[in-house]
C-alpha atoms as a PDB file:
ATOM      1  CA  MET A   1     -34.714  -0.195 -12.927  1.00  0.00           C
ATOM      2  CA  GLY A   2     -31.274   0.270 -14.397  1.00  0.00           C
ATOM      3  CA  GLU A   3     -29.169  -2.135 -16.759  1.00  0.00           C
ATOM      4  CA  PRO A   4     -27.344  -4.854 -14.733  1.00  0.00           C
ATOM      5  CA  ARG A   5     -23.660  -3.984 -14.255  1.00  0.00           C
ATOM      6  CA  SER A   6     -21.078  -6.067 -16.337  1.00  0.00           C
ATOM      7  CA  ASN A   7     -18.414  -7.876 -14.265  1.00  0.00           C
ATOM      8  CA  ALA A   8     -16.071  -7.541 -17.477  1.00  0.00           C
ATOM      9  CA  LEU A   9     -14.148  -4.649 -15.723  1.00  0.00           C
ATOM     10  CA  LEU A  10     -13.818  -6.633 -12.607  1.00  0.00           C
ATOM     11  CA  GLN A  11     -10.286  -7.859 -11.798  1.00  0.00           C
ATOM     12  CA  PRO A  12      -9.182 -10.439  -9.228  1.00  0.00           C
ATOM     13  CA  ALA A  13      -6.936  -9.199  -6.269  1.00  0.00           C
ATOM     14  CA  PRO A  14      -3.181 -10.066  -6.956  1.00  0.00           C
ATOM     15  CA  VAL A  15      -1.895 -13.264  -5.383  1.00  0.00           C
ATOM     16  CA  PHE A  16       1.216 -11.826  -3.542  1.00  0.00           C
ATOM     17  CA  THR A  17       4.346 -13.908  -3.591  1.00  0.00           C
ATOM     18  CA  SER A  18       6.078 -11.239  -1.237  1.00  0.00           C
ATOM     19  CA  PRO A  19       5.334 -10.524   1.206  1.00  0.00           C
ATOM     20  CA  ALA A  20       3.587 -14.051   1.486  1.00  0.00           C
ATOM     21  CA  THR A  21       0.989 -12.586   3.579  1.00  0.00           C
ATOM     22  CA  PRO A  22       0.497  -8.757   3.174  1.00  0.00           C
ATOM     23  CA  LEU A  23      -2.799  -8.769   5.298  1.00  0.00           C
ATOM     24  CA  SER A  24      -0.853  -9.432   8.290  1.00  0.00           C
ATOM     25  CA  SER A  25       2.538  -7.780   7.135  1.00  0.00           C
ATOM     26  CA  MET A  26       4.014  -4.957   9.543  1.00  0.00           C
ATOM     27  CA  ASP A  27       7.048  -3.085   9.293  1.00  0.00           C
ATOM     28  CA  THR A  28       8.357  -0.345  11.562  1.00  0.00           C
ATOM     29  CA  ILE A  29       9.387   3.066  10.084  1.00  0.00           C
ATOM     30  CA  GLU A  30      11.502   5.246  12.316  1.00  0.00           C
ATOM     31  CA  GLU A  31      10.610   8.853  12.750  1.00  0.00           C
ATOM     32  CA  SER A  32      14.280   9.879  11.570  1.00  0.00           C
ATOM     33  CA  ASP A  33      13.754   7.953   8.326  1.00  0.00           C
ATOM     34  CA  PRO A  34      13.628  10.246   5.118  1.00  0.00           C
ATOM     35  CA  ILE A  35      10.972  10.560   2.525  1.00  0.00           C
ATOM     36  CA  GLY A  36      11.535   7.857   0.235  1.00  0.00           C
ATOM     37  CA  THR A  37      12.600   5.278   2.608  1.00  0.00           C
ATOM     38  CA  ASN A  38      11.923   1.615   1.206  1.00  0.00           C
ATOM     39  CA  VAL A  39       9.358  -0.017   3.559  1.00  0.00           C
ATOM     40  CA  MET A  40       9.034  -3.188   1.358  1.00  0.00           C
ATOM     41  CA  THR A  41       8.947  -4.718  -1.994  1.00  0.00           C
ATOM     42  CA  LEU A  42       6.147  -6.261  -3.559  1.00  0.00           C
ATOM     43  CA  ALA A  43       5.654  -9.174  -5.844  1.00  0.00           C
ATOM     44  CA  ALA A  44       2.617 -11.082  -6.959  1.00  0.00           C
ATOM     45  CA  THR A  45       1.998 -14.125  -9.574  1.00  0.00           C
ATOM     46  CA  ASP A  46      -0.335 -12.167 -11.679  1.00  0.00           C
ATOM     47  CA  SER A  47       0.675  -8.623 -11.375  1.00  0.00           C
ATOM     48  CA  GLY A  48       3.903  -6.448 -12.736  1.00  0.00           C
ATOM     49  CA  SER A  49       2.769  -3.293 -10.802  1.00  0.00           C
ATOM     50  CA  PHE A  50       0.682  -2.331  -7.749  1.00  0.00           C
ATOM     51  CA  THR A  51      -1.019   0.803  -6.515  1.00  0.00           C
ATOM     52  CA  ILE A  52      -2.303   2.068  -3.314  1.00  0.00           C
ATOM     53  CA  GLY A  53      -6.202   1.603  -3.025  1.00  0.00           C
ATOM     54  CA  SER A  54      -6.720   3.375  -0.075  1.00  0.00           C
ATOM     55  CA  GLN A  55      -4.506   4.391   3.127  1.00  0.00           C
ATOM     56  CA  SER A  56      -5.916   4.911   6.644  1.00  0.00           C
ATOM     57  CA  PRO A  57      -5.572   7.533   8.019  1.00  0.00           C
ATOM     58  CA  SER A  58      -5.610   9.038   4.446  1.00  0.00           C
ATOM     59  CA  THR A  59      -4.614  12.527   5.333  1.00  0.00           C
ATOM     60  CA  PRO A  60      -1.724  13.244   4.913  1.00  0.00           C
ATOM     61  CA  THR A  61      -0.596  10.455   2.373  1.00  0.00           C
ATOM     62  CA  LYS A  62       2.194   8.703   4.222  1.00  0.00           C
ATOM     63  CA  PHE A  63       2.915   6.047   1.513  1.00  0.00           C
ATOM     64  CA  GLY A  64       3.618   5.619  -2.317  1.00  0.00           C
ATOM     65  CA  ILE A  65       4.634   3.079  -4.647  1.00  0.00           C
ATOM     66  CA  SER A  66       8.012   3.465  -6.490  1.00  0.00           C
ATOM     67  CA  GLY A  67       8.633   1.674  -9.645  1.00  0.00           C
ATOM     68  CA  GLY A  68       5.324   0.039  -9.396  1.00  0.00           C
ATOM     69  CA  VAL A  69       6.630  -2.806  -7.029  1.00  0.00           C
ATOM     70  CA  THR A  70       8.007  -0.859  -3.930  1.00  0.00           C
ATOM     71  CA  LEU A  71       6.226   0.756  -0.967  1.00  0.00           C
ATOM     72  CA  VAL A  72       7.929   3.764  -0.039  1.00  0.00           C
ATOM     73  CA  THR A  73       7.358   6.385   2.760  1.00  0.00           C
ATOM     74  CA  SER A  74       6.156   9.840   1.140  1.00  0.00           C
ATOM     75  CA  ASP A  75       6.143  11.914   4.190  1.00  0.00           C
ATOM     76  CA  THR A  76       7.845  12.175   7.442  1.00  0.00           C
ATOM     77  CA  PHE A  77       6.520  10.778  10.600  1.00  0.00           C
ATOM     78  CA  ASP A  78       5.948  12.233  14.239  1.00  0.00           C
ATOM     79  CA  TYR A  79       4.362   9.722  16.187  1.00  0.00           C
ATOM     80  CA  GLU A  80       4.016  11.958  19.134  1.00  0.00           C
ATOM     81  CA  ALA A  81       1.779  14.238  17.106  1.00  0.00           C
ATOM     82  CA  GLY A  82      -0.853  11.928  16.229  1.00  0.00           C
ATOM     83  CA  GLU A  83      -0.972   8.269  14.328  1.00  0.00           C
ATOM     84  CA  THR A  84       1.123   5.275  15.138  1.00  0.00           C
ATOM     85  CA  SER A  85      -0.437   2.794  12.948  1.00  0.00           C
ATOM     86  CA  TYR A  86      -1.467   2.775   9.138  1.00  0.00           C
ATOM     87  CA  THR A  87      -3.475   0.586   7.280  1.00  0.00           C
ATOM     88  CA  LEU A  88      -2.906   0.219   3.253  1.00  0.00           C
ATOM     89  CA  GLU A  89      -4.957  -1.772   0.722  1.00  0.00           C
ATOM     90  CA  ILE A  90      -2.366  -2.722  -2.088  1.00  0.00           C
ATOM     91  CA  VAL A  91      -3.975  -3.398  -5.414  1.00  0.00           C
END
């Protein structure tokens, strides 16, 4: 058997202050919105910047984090061509 894994590298998830309930936060993005459109600004009591842990669907990448705290669009949207809903994990 291998060595037990250390928990020293594990970090707790951020405690969000904006939006207050990110798991249920939803926003509408229009097809005509340009790349770089601000979706929402994130804040947490224990984190200065954020990254996207995962996106679903994952290809093409539709979102990014600007300045470490602002969720922005990184692609255009065409709802008739496919997906109309996206799920993001922010860490």
